[in-house]
Amino acid sequence: MSEELQKWRDNHLNSISPSFCAAKWYNASLHLGHGYTNSCHLPIPHPIPVEEVPDNPAVLHNTELKKQARKLMLEGKRPAECSYCWKVEDIGRNNVADRVYKSQIYKVEDIEILKDQPWDKDVLLKTVEVSFDRICNFACSYCNAGYSTTWGNDINKSGPYQKFKSNSAGAYQSNGS
């Protein structure tokens, strides 16, 4: 990791806690066609409590799962859903995990105020990605048929993808229907 990134991480994330990531507060991917959300592209999306949305639209992002993860982060504990970042950092060599990149896009003063807010407070988003359904004509290698009809059509036509070495290889065998 560059010394500049290491210094930024230590000064603005690790000074709050060694597991802190501002994306858990300020970023969301909303998969409205599925009714799921996550705070970055790495954790597995989880259900939005749709029955609560009419009374509190902030629950689209401020789910109980995300709030519990925020609590852990403020306590210096590592939420299991963020395991990709922990694996990268645990390799050593001062590796840069995505939590640095996902946090660096926000103003330092916006990050700093999070350490003094209650972990269960509803926070307004600063960045959001929204998908309304799974109709997509791309077949990006990091995606799957649950989010791309092009992937689903390819699996219907040619069969499941084979010989994947991945924890989520099952996603490449289903057509997403």
N, C-alpha and C. Protein backbone atom coordinates (compact mmCIF):
# COMPACT_ATOMS: atom_id res chain seq x y z
N MET A 1 0.85 -1.16 0.00
CA MET A 1 0.00 0.00 0.00
C MET A 1 0.90 1.23 0.00
N SER A 2 0.48 2.23 -0.70
CA SER A 2 1.27 3.46 -0.69
C SER A 2 1.22 4.07 0.71
N GLU A 3 2.27 4.76 1.04
CA GLU A 3 2.32 5.40 2.35
C GLU A 3 1.20 6.43 2.51
N GLU A 4 0.86 7.08 1.41
CA GLU A 4 -0.21 8.08 1.46
C GLU A 4 -1.55 7.44 1.84
N LEU A 5 -1.88 6.30 1.23
CA LEU A 5 -3.13 5.61 1.57
C LEU A 5 -3.10 5.06 2.98
N GLN A 6 -1.97 4.54 3.38
CA GLN A 6 -1.85 4.01 4.74
C GLN A 6 -2.06 5.13 5.76
N LYS A 7 -1.46 6.28 5.51
CA LYS A 7 -1.61 7.41 6.42
C LYS A 7 -3.07 7.87 6.45
N TRP A 8 -3.72 7.95 5.28
CA TRP A 8 -5.12 8.35 5.23
C TRP A 8 -5.98 7.36 6.02
N ARG A 9 -5.76 6.06 5.79
CA ARG A 9 -6.53 5.03 6.51
C ARG A 9 -6.34 5.17 8.02
N ASP A 10 -5.10 5.31 8.44
CA ASP A 10 -4.82 5.39 9.87
C ASP A 10 -5.40 6.66 10.50
N ASN A 11 -5.32 7.78 9.78
CA ASN A 11 -5.80 9.05 10.32
C ASN A 11 -7.31 9.19 10.31
N HIS A 12 -7.98 8.60 9.33
CA HIS A 12 -9.41 8.88 9.16
C HIS A 12 -10.33 7.68 9.37
N LEU A 13 -9.82 6.48 9.29
CA LEU A 13 -10.64 5.30 9.56
C LEU A 13 -10.20 4.63 10.85
N ASN A 14 -8.95 4.22 10.91
CA ASN A 14 -8.46 3.49 12.08
C ASN A 14 -8.44 4.35 13.33
N SER A 15 -8.44 5.68 13.19
CA SER A 15 -8.52 6.54 14.37
C SER A 15 -9.90 6.44 15.01
N ILE A 16 -10.89 6.05 14.23
CA ILE A 16 -12.23 5.80 14.78
C ILE A 16 -12.30 4.38 15.30
N SER A 17 -11.89 3.42 14.46
CA SER A 17 -11.75 2.02 14.87
C SER A 17 -11.04 1.27 13.75
N PRO A 18 -10.38 0.16 14.07
CA PRO A 18 -9.66 -0.58 13.04
C PRO A 18 -10.57 -1.33 12.06
N SER A 19 -11.87 -1.24 12.26
CA SER A 19 -12.81 -1.89 11.34
C SER A 19 -13.78 -0.90 10.71
N PHE A 20 -13.53 0.37 10.86
CA PHE A 20 -14.45 1.40 10.40
C PHE A 20 -14.44 1.54 8.88
N CYS A 21 -15.63 1.72 8.31
CA CYS A 21 -15.80 1.98 6.87
C CYS A 21 -16.99 2.90 6.69
N ALA A 22 -16.76 4.07 6.12
CA ALA A 22 -17.83 5.06 5.95
C ALA A 22 -18.93 4.60 4.99
N ALA A 23 -18.64 3.65 4.13
CA ALA A 23 -19.66 3.16 3.20
C ALA A 23 -20.85 2.56 3.94
N LYS A 24 -20.63 2.01 5.10
CA LYS A 24 -21.73 1.41 5.86
C LYS A 24 -22.75 2.47 6.26
N TRP A 25 -22.33 3.73 6.34
CA TRP A 25 -23.22 4.84 6.67
C TRP A 25 -23.72 5.58 5.43
N TYR A 26 -22.84 5.82 4.47
CA TYR A 26 -23.13 6.78 3.41
C TYR A 26 -23.40 6.19 2.02
N ASN A 27 -23.24 4.91 1.83
CA ASN A 27 -23.39 4.33 0.49
C ASN A 27 -24.43 3.21 0.52
N ALA A 28 -25.17 3.08 -0.56
CA ALA A 28 -26.11 1.95 -0.67
C ALA A 28 -26.27 1.55 -2.12
N SER A 29 -26.42 0.27 -2.29
CA SER A 29 -26.93 -0.29 -3.54
C SER A 29 -28.33 -0.79 -3.22
N LEU A 30 -29.29 -0.28 -3.94
CA LEU A 30 -30.68 -0.69 -3.73
C LEU A 30 -31.12 -1.53 -4.92
N HIS A 31 -31.41 -2.78 -4.66
CA HIS A 31 -31.84 -3.72 -5.70
C HIS A 31 -33.36 -3.85 -5.56
N LEU A 32 -34.08 -2.86 -6.07
CA LEU A 32 -35.51 -2.77 -5.82
C LEU A 32 -36.30 -3.90 -6.46
N GLY A 33 -35.83 -4.44 -7.55
CA GLY A 33 -36.52 -5.57 -8.18
C GLY A 33 -36.51 -6.81 -7.32
N HIS A 34 -35.50 -6.91 -6.46
CA HIS A 34 -35.38 -8.04 -5.54
C HIS A 34 -35.86 -7.67 -4.14
N GLY A 35 -35.83 -6.34 -3.83
CA GLY A 35 -36.15 -5.90 -2.48
C GLY A 35 -34.98 -6.04 -1.53
N TYR A 36 -33.75 -5.86 -2.07
CA TYR A 36 -32.54 -6.06 -1.26
C TYR A 36 -31.67 -4.81 -1.29
N THR A 37 -30.75 -4.73 -0.34
CA THR A 37 -29.79 -3.64 -0.26
C THR A 37 -28.46 -4.15 0.26
N ASN A 38 -27.41 -3.40 0.01
CA ASN A 38 -26.11 -3.60 0.65
C ASN A 38 -25.38 -2.26 0.62
N SER A 39 -24.30 -2.16 1.39
CA SER A 39 -23.60 -0.89 1.53
C SER A 39 -22.45 -0.73 0.56
N CYS A 40 -22.05 -1.78 -0.06
CA CYS A 40 -21.05 -1.72 -1.12
C CYS A 40 -21.23 -2.99 -1.95
N HIS A 41 -20.44 -3.14 -2.97
CA HIS A 41 -20.63 -4.27 -3.88
C HIS A 41 -20.14 -5.60 -3.30
N LEU A 42 -19.46 -5.58 -2.16
CA LEU A 42 -18.87 -6.81 -1.64
C LEU A 42 -19.78 -7.64 -0.74
N PRO A 43 -20.47 -7.07 0.25
CA PRO A 43 -21.35 -7.91 1.08
C PRO A 43 -22.55 -8.42 0.29
N ILE A 44 -23.01 -9.57 0.66
CA ILE A 44 -24.20 -10.13 0.03
C ILE A 44 -25.39 -9.24 0.37
N PRO A 45 -26.19 -8.85 -0.62
CA PRO A 45 -27.36 -8.01 -0.32
C PRO A 45 -28.31 -8.72 0.63
N HIS A 46 -29.00 -7.94 1.43
CA HIS A 46 -29.97 -8.47 2.40
C HIS A 46 -31.31 -7.75 2.20
N PRO A 47 -32.39 -8.36 2.71
CA PRO A 47 -33.74 -7.82 2.46
C PRO A 47 -33.95 -6.44 3.07
N ILE A 48 -34.67 -5.62 2.33
CA ILE A 48 -35.18 -4.35 2.83
C ILE A 48 -36.52 -4.67 3.52
N PRO A 49 -36.74 -4.20 4.73
CA PRO A 49 -38.03 -4.46 5.38
C PRO A 49 -39.13 -3.58 4.76
N VAL A 50 -39.65 -4.04 3.64
CA VAL A 50 -40.56 -3.23 2.83
C VAL A 50 -41.80 -2.77 3.61
N GLU A 51 -42.23 -3.54 4.59
CA GLU A 51 -43.40 -3.15 5.37
C GLU A 51 -43.14 -1.89 6.19
N GLU A 52 -41.88 -1.57 6.45
CA GLU A 52 -41.53 -0.38 7.23
C GLU A 52 -41.34 0.86 6.36
N VAL A 53 -41.19 0.70 5.06
CA VAL A 53 -40.86 1.81 4.17
C VAL A 53 -41.91 2.93 4.19
N PRO A 54 -43.23 2.63 4.19
CA PRO A 54 -44.20 3.74 4.20
C PRO A 54 -44.06 4.67 5.41
N ASP A 55 -43.71 4.12 6.56
CA ASP A 55 -43.55 4.93 7.77
C ASP A 55 -42.17 5.55 7.91
N ASN A 56 -41.16 4.91 7.28
CA ASN A 56 -39.78 5.38 7.41
C ASN A 56 -39.00 5.03 6.14
N PRO A 57 -39.07 5.86 5.11
CA PRO A 57 -38.35 5.56 3.87
C PRO A 57 -36.84 5.39 4.06
N ALA A 58 -36.30 5.92 5.14
CA ALA A 58 -34.85 5.78 5.40
C ALA A 58 -34.45 4.32 5.60
N VAL A 59 -35.42 3.45 5.87
CA VAL A 59 -35.12 2.04 6.07
C VAL A 59 -34.66 1.35 4.78
N LEU A 60 -34.86 2.02 3.65
CA LEU A 60 -34.30 1.48 2.40
C LEU A 60 -32.80 1.27 2.54
N HIS A 61 -32.16 2.13 3.30
CA HIS A 61 -30.72 2.03 3.53
C HIS A 61 -30.39 1.69 4.99
N ASN A 62 -31.11 2.25 5.93
CA ASN A 62 -30.82 2.08 7.35
C ASN A 62 -31.51 0.85 7.92
N THR A 63 -31.14 -0.31 7.39
CA THR A 63 -31.73 -1.56 7.87
C THR A 63 -31.12 -1.94 9.21
N GLU A 64 -31.78 -2.81 9.91
CA GLU A 64 -31.26 -3.27 11.20
C GLU A 64 -29.91 -3.96 11.03
N LEU A 65 -29.74 -4.72 9.96
CA LEU A 65 -28.47 -5.40 9.71
C LEU A 65 -27.33 -4.39 9.54
N LYS A 66 -27.56 -3.34 8.77
CA LYS A 66 -26.53 -2.31 8.59
C LYS A 66 -26.25 -1.59 9.90
N LYS A 67 -27.29 -1.30 10.67
CA LYS A 67 -27.08 -0.62 11.95
C LYS A 67 -26.27 -1.50 12.91
N GLN A 68 -26.53 -2.79 12.93
CA GLN A 68 -25.75 -3.69 13.78
C GLN A 68 -24.28 -3.72 13.32
N ALA A 69 -24.07 -3.71 12.01
CA ALA A 69 -22.70 -3.67 11.48
C ALA A 69 -22.01 -2.37 11.86
N ARG A 70 -22.74 -1.27 11.82
CA ARG A 70 -22.18 0.03 12.25
C ARG A 70 -21.75 -0.03 13.71
N LYS A 71 -22.60 -0.63 14.52
CA LYS A 71 -22.28 -0.76 15.96
C LYS A 71 -20.97 -1.53 16.13
N LEU A 72 -20.87 -2.66 15.43
CA LEU A 72 -19.63 -3.45 15.52
C LEU A 72 -18.43 -2.63 15.08
N MET A 73 -18.58 -1.91 13.99
CA MET A 73 -17.46 -1.10 13.49
C MET A 73 -17.04 -0.04 14.49
N LEU A 74 -18.00 0.61 15.11
CA LEU A 74 -17.67 1.63 16.11
C LEU A 74 -16.99 1.02 17.34
N GLU A 75 -17.28 -0.25 17.60
CA GLU A 75 -16.65 -0.97 18.72
C GLU A 75 -15.32 -1.60 18.34
N GLY A 76 -14.92 -1.45 17.06
CA GLY A 76 -13.67 -2.03 16.61
C GLY A 76 -13.76 -3.49 16.23
N LYS A 77 -15.00 -3.98 16.12
CA LYS A 77 -15.22 -5.38 15.73
C LYS A 77 -15.50 -5.44 14.24
N ARG A 78 -15.27 -6.59 13.66
CA ARG A 78 -15.41 -6.78 12.22
C ARG A 78 -16.72 -7.47 11.86
N PRO A 79 -17.63 -6.77 11.19
CA PRO A 79 -18.86 -7.44 10.74
C PRO A 79 -18.52 -8.56 9.76
N ALA A 80 -19.14 -9.71 9.94
CA ALA A 80 -18.86 -10.86 9.09
C ALA A 80 -19.15 -10.57 7.62
N GLU A 81 -20.18 -9.77 7.35
CA GLU A 81 -20.54 -9.48 5.96
C GLU A 81 -19.45 -8.73 5.21
N CYS A 82 -18.52 -8.14 5.92
CA CYS A 82 -17.42 -7.38 5.31
C CYS A 82 -16.14 -8.21 5.24
N SER A 83 -16.29 -9.51 5.21
CA SER A 83 -15.14 -10.43 5.29
C SER A 83 -14.13 -10.24 4.16
N TYR A 84 -14.58 -9.79 3.00
CA TYR A 84 -13.63 -9.59 1.90
C TYR A 84 -12.55 -8.58 2.31
N CYS A 85 -12.97 -7.47 2.89
CA CYS A 85 -11.98 -6.47 3.31
C CYS A 85 -11.05 -7.02 4.39
N TRP A 86 -11.59 -7.81 5.30
CA TRP A 86 -10.73 -8.35 6.37
C TRP A 86 -9.72 -9.32 5.78
N LYS A 87 -10.13 -10.12 4.81
CA LYS A 87 -9.19 -11.06 4.17
C LYS A 87 -8.06 -10.30 3.49
N VAL A 88 -8.40 -9.22 2.79
CA VAL A 88 -7.37 -8.42 2.11
C VAL A 88 -6.41 -7.82 3.13
N GLU A 89 -6.94 -7.27 4.20
CA GLU A 89 -6.08 -6.63 5.20
C GLU A 89 -5.26 -7.65 5.98
N ASP A 90 -5.83 -8.83 6.22
CA ASP A 90 -5.12 -9.84 7.01
C ASP A 90 -3.97 -10.50 6.26
N ILE A 91 -3.90 -10.31 4.97
CA ILE A 91 -2.77 -10.83 4.21
C ILE A 91 -1.49 -10.17 4.71
N GLY A 92 -1.64 -8.93 5.17
CA GLY A 92 -0.48 -8.17 5.64
C GLY A 92 0.00 -7.23 4.57
N ARG A 93 1.24 -6.86 4.65
CA ARG A 93 1.88 -5.97 3.67
C ARG A 93 1.16 -4.63 3.56
N ASN A 94 0.39 -4.26 4.59
CA ASN A 94 -0.39 -3.02 4.55
C ASN A 94 -1.27 -2.92 3.31
N ASN A 95 -1.88 -4.04 2.94
CA ASN A 95 -2.77 -4.05 1.77
C ASN A 95 -3.92 -3.07 1.96
N VAL A 96 -4.34 -2.49 0.86
CA VAL A 96 -5.47 -1.58 0.86
C VAL A 96 -6.74 -2.39 0.60
N ALA A 97 -7.65 -2.34 1.54
CA ALA A 97 -8.95 -2.98 1.35
C ALA A 97 -9.91 -1.95 0.76
N ASP A 98 -10.99 -2.44 0.21
CA ASP A 98 -11.97 -1.56 -0.40
C ASP A 98 -12.56 -0.56 0.60
N ARG A 99 -12.50 -0.86 1.90
CA ARG A 99 -13.05 0.08 2.89
C ARG A 99 -12.34 1.42 2.82
N VAL A 100 -11.08 1.42 2.42
CA VAL A 100 -10.34 2.68 2.26
C VAL A 100 -10.87 3.43 1.05
N TYR A 101 -10.95 2.76 -0.08
CA TYR A 101 -11.43 3.40 -1.30
C TYR A 101 -12.89 3.84 -1.18
N LYS A 102 -13.71 3.01 -0.54
CA LYS A 102 -15.13 3.34 -0.39
C LYS A 102 -15.35 4.48 0.59
N SER A 103 -14.41 4.71 1.49
CA SER A 103 -14.53 5.79 2.46
C SER A 103 -13.89 7.08 1.96
N GLN A 104 -12.85 6.95 1.18
CA GLN A 104 -12.08 8.10 0.72
C GLN A 104 -12.89 9.07 -0.14
N ILE A 105 -13.98 8.61 -0.68
CA ILE A 105 -14.79 9.48 -1.55
C ILE A 105 -15.59 10.51 -0.76
N TYR A 106 -15.64 10.36 0.56
CA TYR A 106 -16.40 11.28 1.39
C TYR A 106 -15.48 12.30 2.05
N LYS A 107 -16.05 13.43 2.39
CA LYS A 107 -15.29 14.47 3.07
C LYS A 107 -14.85 13.97 4.44
N VAL A 108 -13.64 14.34 4.82
CA VAL A 108 -13.10 13.92 6.12
C VAL A 108 -14.02 14.37 7.25
N GLU A 109 -14.55 15.59 7.16
CA GLU A 109 -15.43 16.08 8.23
C GLU A 109 -16.73 15.27 8.30
N ASP A 110 -17.21 14.74 7.16
CA ASP A 110 -18.40 13.89 7.17
C ASP A 110 -18.11 12.54 7.82
N ILE A 111 -16.91 12.05 7.65
CA ILE A 111 -16.51 10.80 8.29
C ILE A 111 -16.35 11.00 9.80
N GLU A 112 -15.71 12.09 10.16
CA GLU A 112 -15.44 12.37 11.58
C GLU A 112 -16.70 12.45 12.42
N ILE A 113 -17.78 13.02 11.87
CA ILE A 113 -18.99 13.18 12.68
C ILE A 113 -19.65 11.84 13.01
N LEU A 114 -19.34 10.81 12.24
CA LEU A 114 -19.99 9.51 12.47
C LEU A 114 -19.60 8.88 13.80
N LYS A 115 -18.38 9.14 14.26
CA LYS A 115 -17.92 8.51 15.51
C LYS A 115 -18.69 8.99 16.72
N ASP A 116 -19.35 10.17 16.62
CA ASP A 116 -20.08 10.74 17.75
C ASP A 116 -21.59 10.57 17.64
N GLN A 117 -22.04 9.90 16.57
CA GLN A 117 -23.47 9.70 16.40
C GLN A 117 -23.87 8.32 16.93
N PRO A 118 -25.08 8.18 17.40
CA PRO A 118 -25.54 6.85 17.82
C PRO A 118 -25.49 5.87 16.65
N TRP A 119 -25.08 4.65 16.91
CA TRP A 119 -24.94 3.65 15.86
C TRP A 119 -26.27 3.33 15.18
N ASP A 120 -27.37 3.52 15.88
CA ASP A 120 -28.66 3.16 15.32
C ASP A 120 -29.42 4.35 14.72
N LYS A 121 -28.73 5.48 14.56
CA LYS A 121 -29.35 6.65 13.94
C LYS A 121 -29.51 6.42 12.44
N ASP A 122 -30.65 6.84 11.90
CA ASP A 122 -30.84 6.83 10.45
C ASP A 122 -29.95 7.90 9.84
N VAL A 123 -29.16 7.52 8.86
CA VAL A 123 -28.21 8.41 8.21
C VAL A 123 -28.64 8.63 6.77
N LEU A 124 -28.50 9.85 6.29
CA LEU A 124 -28.82 10.15 4.89
C LEU A 124 -27.68 9.69 3.99
N LEU A 125 -28.04 9.12 2.88
CA LEU A 125 -27.06 8.64 1.91
C LEU A 125 -26.34 9.79 1.23
N LYS A 126 -25.12 9.53 0.83
CA LYS A 126 -24.36 10.47 0.00
C LYS A 126 -24.14 9.88 -1.40
N THR A 127 -24.10 8.56 -1.50
CA THR A 127 -24.00 7.90 -2.80
C THR A 127 -24.96 6.72 -2.83
N VAL A 128 -25.59 6.53 -3.97
CA VAL A 128 -26.56 5.43 -4.09
C VAL A 128 -26.54 4.89 -5.52
N GLU A 129 -26.67 3.60 -5.60
CA GLU A 129 -26.83 2.91 -6.88
C GLU A 129 -28.18 2.21 -6.80
N VAL A 130 -29.01 2.40 -7.81
CA VAL A 130 -30.34 1.82 -7.80
C VAL A 130 -30.55 0.98 -9.04
N SER A 131 -31.01 -0.25 -8.83
CA SER A 131 -31.48 -1.06 -9.95
C SER A 131 -32.95 -1.36 -9.69
N PHE A 132 -33.75 -1.17 -10.72
CA PHE A 132 -35.19 -1.34 -10.56
C PHE A 132 -35.66 -2.75 -10.90
N ASP A 133 -34.89 -3.45 -11.70
CA ASP A 133 -35.21 -4.83 -12.06
C ASP A 133 -33.93 -5.49 -12.55
N ARG A 134 -34.02 -6.70 -13.07
CA ARG A 134 -32.81 -7.41 -13.51
C ARG A 134 -32.63 -7.38 -15.02
N ILE A 135 -33.35 -6.50 -15.68
CA ILE A 135 -33.20 -6.39 -17.13
C ILE A 135 -31.92 -5.62 -17.42
N CYS A 136 -30.95 -6.33 -17.94
CA CYS A 136 -29.64 -5.74 -18.22
C CYS A 136 -29.04 -6.44 -19.43
N ASN A 137 -28.56 -5.66 -20.36
CA ASN A 137 -27.99 -6.28 -21.55
C ASN A 137 -26.47 -6.43 -21.45
N PHE A 138 -25.93 -6.17 -20.27
CA PHE A 138 -24.50 -6.43 -20.04
C PHE A 138 -24.34 -7.83 -19.45
N ALA A 139 -23.16 -8.34 -19.50
CA ALA A 139 -22.84 -9.62 -18.85
C ALA A 139 -21.50 -9.46 -18.13
N CYS A 140 -21.45 -8.50 -17.23
CA CYS A 140 -20.20 -8.19 -16.53
C CYS A 140 -19.72 -9.40 -15.74
N SER A 141 -18.43 -9.61 -15.72
CA SER A 141 -17.87 -10.82 -15.11
C SER A 141 -18.11 -10.89 -13.61
N TYR A 142 -18.33 -9.76 -12.94
CA TYR A 142 -18.55 -9.77 -11.49
C TYR A 142 -20.02 -9.92 -11.13
N CYS A 143 -20.88 -10.02 -12.11
CA CYS A 143 -22.32 -10.07 -11.87
C CYS A 143 -22.81 -11.53 -11.88
N ASN A 144 -24.11 -11.70 -12.03
CA ASN A 144 -24.69 -13.03 -12.19
C ASN A 144 -26.10 -12.87 -12.74
N ALA A 145 -26.74 -13.97 -13.01
CA ALA A 145 -28.05 -13.96 -13.66
C ALA A 145 -29.15 -13.36 -12.77
N GLY A 146 -28.92 -13.29 -11.48
CA GLY A 146 -29.89 -12.66 -10.60
C GLY A 146 -30.02 -11.17 -10.87
N TYR A 147 -29.00 -10.59 -11.51
CA TYR A 147 -28.99 -9.15 -11.79
C TYR A 147 -28.90 -8.84 -13.28
N SER A 148 -28.71 -9.85 -14.11
CA SER A 148 -28.53 -9.61 -15.54
C SER A 148 -29.31 -10.64 -16.35
N THR A 149 -30.29 -10.17 -17.09
CA THR A 149 -31.04 -11.08 -17.95
C THR A 149 -30.16 -11.62 -19.07
N THR A 150 -29.12 -10.89 -19.45
CA THR A 150 -28.21 -11.40 -20.48
C THR A 150 -27.50 -12.65 -19.97
N TRP A 151 -27.06 -12.63 -18.71
CA TRP A 151 -26.46 -13.83 -18.12
C TRP A 151 -27.48 -14.97 -18.14
N GLY A 152 -28.71 -14.66 -17.71
CA GLY A 152 -29.75 -15.69 -17.67
C GLY A 152 -30.02 -16.29 -19.04
N ASN A 153 -30.08 -15.44 -20.06
CA ASN A 153 -30.31 -15.93 -21.42
C ASN A 153 -29.15 -16.79 -21.89
N ASP A 154 -27.94 -16.42 -21.55
CA ASP A 154 -26.76 -17.20 -21.93
C ASP A 154 -26.79 -18.58 -21.26
N ILE A 155 -27.17 -18.63 -20.00
CA ILE A 155 -27.26 -19.91 -19.29
C ILE A 155 -28.38 -20.76 -19.89
N ASN A 156 -29.51 -20.14 -20.24
CA ASN A 156 -30.60 -20.89 -20.88
C ASN A 156 -30.15 -21.47 -22.22
N LYS A 157 -29.37 -20.71 -22.96
CA LYS A 157 -28.92 -21.13 -24.29
C LYS A 157 -27.79 -22.15 -24.24
N SER A 158 -26.79 -21.90 -23.38
CA SER A 158 -25.56 -22.70 -23.40
C SER A 158 -25.36 -23.57 -22.16
N GLY A 159 -26.23 -23.45 -21.19
CA GLY A 159 -26.07 -24.21 -19.96
C GLY A 159 -25.27 -23.45 -18.93
N PRO A 160 -25.21 -23.98 -17.70
CA PRO A 160 -24.51 -23.29 -16.61
C PRO A 160 -23.02 -23.11 -16.90
N TYR A 161 -22.47 -22.05 -16.32
CA TYR A 161 -21.02 -21.84 -16.39
C TYR A 161 -20.35 -22.94 -15.58
N GLN A 162 -19.24 -23.44 -16.05
CA GLN A 162 -18.59 -24.58 -15.42
C GLN A 162 -17.21 -24.21 -14.88
N LYS A 163 -16.75 -25.02 -13.93
CA LYS A 163 -15.38 -24.97 -13.39
C LYS A 163 -15.01 -23.63 -12.77
N PHE A 164 -15.98 -23.01 -12.10
CA PHE A 164 -15.68 -21.79 -11.36
C PHE A 164 -15.04 -22.15 -10.03
N LYS A 165 -14.00 -21.46 -9.67
CA LYS A 165 -13.40 -21.62 -8.34
C LYS A 165 -13.82 -20.39 -7.54
N SER A 166 -14.96 -20.50 -6.88
CA SER A 166 -15.54 -19.36 -6.20
C SER A 166 -16.45 -19.85 -5.09
N ASN A 167 -16.60 -19.04 -4.05
CA ASN A 167 -17.53 -19.37 -2.99
C ASN A 167 -18.98 -19.22 -3.47
N SER A 168 -19.16 -18.47 -4.55
CA SER A 168 -20.52 -18.22 -5.04
C SER A 168 -20.74 -18.82 -6.42
N ALA A 169 -20.09 -19.95 -6.70
CA ALA A 169 -20.20 -20.56 -8.03
C ALA A 169 -21.64 -20.92 -8.37
N GLY A 170 -22.46 -21.17 -7.38
CA GLY A 170 -23.86 -21.48 -7.64
C GLY A 170 -24.59 -20.38 -8.38
N ALA A 171 -24.15 -19.15 -8.18
CA ALA A 171 -24.78 -18.01 -8.86
C ALA A 171 -24.56 -18.08 -10.36
N TYR A 172 -23.56 -18.83 -10.80
CA TYR A 172 -23.25 -18.92 -12.22
C TYR A 172 -23.89 -20.15 -12.86
N GLN A 173 -24.73 -20.83 -12.11
CA GLN A 173 -25.39 -22.03 -12.63
C GLN A 173 -26.88 -21.82 -12.75
N SER A 174 -27.41 -20.81 -12.07
CA SER A 174 -28.83 -20.51 -12.11
C SER A 174 -29.11 -19.45 -13.16
N ASN A 175 -30.26 -19.56 -13.81
CA ASN A 175 -30.60 -18.56 -14.84
C ASN A 175 -31.24 -17.32 -14.23
N GLY A 176 -31.39 -17.28 -12.91
CA GLY A 176 -31.89 -16.09 -12.24
C GLY A 176 -33.39 -15.95 -12.23
N SER A 177 -34.10 -16.93 -12.75
CA SER A 177 -35.57 -16.82 -12.81
C SER A 177 -36.19 -16.97 -11.43
